[in-house]
Structures are given as structure tokens and as C-alpha cells.
Amino acid sequence: MSLASGGTSSAGPLGLLIVLLLGVATVLLIRNMNARLKRLPPSFEPPEQPDAPADGESPDAP
């Protein structure tokens, strides 16, 4: 059976609907990622370490 056999099919409108839905989803995902990228800090620096305990002290001793 060939594709050009002239049989009735609804692939045209259904394919258009799927392509349009994928396009809308792509636009929404791009907008969401742009908003998230704008909220990121300019640089990622490691967190500052607290001062090291003095000799003989444990960090959680009162």
C-alpha cells in the first residue's frame, strides 16, 4: 500500500495540531528558562568557611 493511494486520512489536521501544541510548549519553556536565568546570581562563589576552632577544641563543644 503506498502513501499516495488516495485513502482518506486525518493526518493533515492532526499533524498541524500536534505541531502547534509543540510550538506553544516550546515558547512557554523558553520564557520560563529566561525568567530563571535572570534570577541567577552573577557568579557562584564558594560559601565562606567559619573560623577554624582553636587547638584542642571541638567544633560543637559549648
C-alpha atoms as a PDB file:
ATOM      1  CA  MET A   1       0.000   0.000   0.000  1.00  0.00           C
ATOM      2  CA  SER A   2       1.513   3.349  -0.981  1.00  0.00           C
ATOM      3  CA  LEU A   3       1.110   6.688   0.737  1.00  0.00           C
ATOM      4  CA  ALA A   4      -0.318   8.272  -2.427  1.00  0.00           C
ATOM      5  CA  SER A   5      -3.117   5.747  -2.754  1.00  0.00           C
ATOM      6  CA  GLY A   6      -5.781   8.396  -2.181  1.00  0.00           C
ATOM      7  CA  GLY A   7      -7.216   6.908   1.006  1.00  0.00           C
ATOM      8  CA  THR A   8      -8.959   9.179   3.464  1.00  0.00           C
ATOM      9  CA  SER A   9      -6.866  10.267   6.385  1.00  0.00           C
ATOM     10  CA  SER A  10      -6.965  12.920   9.065  1.00  0.00           C
ATOM     11  CA  ALA A  11      -3.191  13.142   9.383  1.00  0.00           C
ATOM     12  CA  GLY A  12      -3.115  16.691   7.997  1.00  0.00           C
ATOM     13  CA  PRO A  13      -5.236  18.443  10.635  1.00  0.00           C
ATOM     14  CA  LEU A  14      -3.988  16.162  13.410  1.00  0.00           C
ATOM     15  CA  GLY A  15      -0.368  16.763  12.428  1.00  0.00           C
ATOM     16  CA  LEU A  16      -0.977  20.520  12.358  1.00  0.00           C
ATOM     17  CA  LEU A  17      -2.495  20.376  15.843  1.00  0.00           C
ATOM     18  CA  ILE A  18       0.487  18.432  17.200  1.00  0.00           C
ATOM     19  CA  VAL A  19       2.972  20.848  15.611  1.00  0.00           C
ATOM     20  CA  LEU A  20       1.087  23.854  17.012  1.00  0.00           C
ATOM     21  CA  LEU A  21       0.984  22.299  20.508  1.00  0.00           C
ATOM     22  CA  LEU A  22       4.709  21.585  20.373  1.00  0.00           C
ATOM     23  CA  GLY A  23       5.351  25.174  19.271  1.00  0.00           C
ATOM     24  CA  VAL A  24       3.309  26.585  22.170  1.00  0.00           C
ATOM     25  CA  ALA A  25       5.068  24.284  24.645  1.00  0.00           C
ATOM     26  CA  THR A  26       8.467  25.365  23.295  1.00  0.00           C
ATOM     27  CA  VAL A  27       7.622  29.061  23.624  1.00  0.00           C
ATOM     28  CA  LEU A  28       6.425  28.563  27.208  1.00  0.00           C
ATOM     29  CA  LEU A  29       9.551  26.597  28.131  1.00  0.00           C
ATOM     30  CA  ILE A  30      11.829  29.265  26.653  1.00  0.00           C
ATOM     31  CA  ARG A  31      10.030  32.032  28.571  1.00  0.00           C
ATOM     32  CA  ASN A  32      10.283  30.040  31.810  1.00  0.00           C
ATOM     33  CA  MET A  33      14.007  29.354  31.370  1.00  0.00           C
ATOM     34  CA  ASN A  34      14.709  33.022  30.546  1.00  0.00           C
ATOM     35  CA  ALA A  35      12.968  34.075  33.771  1.00  0.00           C
ATOM     36  CA  ARG A  36      15.016  31.551  35.765  1.00  0.00           C
ATOM     37  CA  LEU A  37      18.279  32.663  34.169  1.00  0.00           C
ATOM     38  CA  LYS A  38      17.568  36.287  35.068  1.00  0.00           C
ATOM     39  CA  ARG A  39      17.221  35.309  38.754  1.00  0.00           C
ATOM     40  CA  LEU A  40      20.626  33.631  38.918  1.00  0.00           C
ATOM     41  CA  PRO A  41      23.441  35.437  40.727  1.00  0.00           C
ATOM     42  CA  PRO A  42      26.216  36.903  38.535  1.00  0.00           C
ATOM     43  CA  SER A  43      28.764  34.440  39.924  1.00  0.00           C
ATOM     44  CA  PHE A  44      28.824  31.344  42.050  1.00  0.00           C
ATOM     45  CA  GLU A  45      31.419  31.757  44.759  1.00  0.00           C
ATOM     46  CA  PRO A  46      32.025  29.074  47.375  1.00  0.00           C
ATOM     47  CA  PRO A  47      30.438  29.787  50.756  1.00  0.00           C
ATOM     48  CA  GLU A  48      32.717  31.324  53.356  1.00  0.00           C
ATOM     49  CA  GLN A  49      34.057  28.848  55.880  1.00  0.00           C
ATOM     50  CA  PRO A  50      33.665  29.677  59.586  1.00  0.00           C
ATOM     51  CA  ASP A  51      36.849  30.287  61.546  1.00  0.00           C
ATOM     52  CA  ALA A  52      38.705  27.123  62.457  1.00  0.00           C
ATOM     53  CA  PRO A  53      38.433  26.112  66.140  1.00  0.00           C
ATOM     54  CA  ALA A  54      41.458  26.683  68.383  1.00  0.00           C
ATOM     55  CA  ASP A  55      43.763  23.783  69.202  1.00  0.00           C
ATOM     56  CA  GLY A  56      42.085  21.155  71.357  1.00  0.00           C
ATOM     57  CA  GLU A  57      38.531  22.462  70.920  1.00  0.00           C
ATOM     58  CA  SER A  58      35.897  20.506  69.132  1.00  0.00           C
ATOM     59  CA  PRO A  59      33.594  22.477  66.809  1.00  0.00           C
ATOM     60  CA  ASP A  60      30.418  21.525  68.703  1.00  0.00           C
ATOM     61  CA  ALA A  61      31.723  21.942  72.264  1.00  0.00           C
ATOM     62  CA  PRO A  62      29.816  24.519  74.382  1.00  0.00           C
END
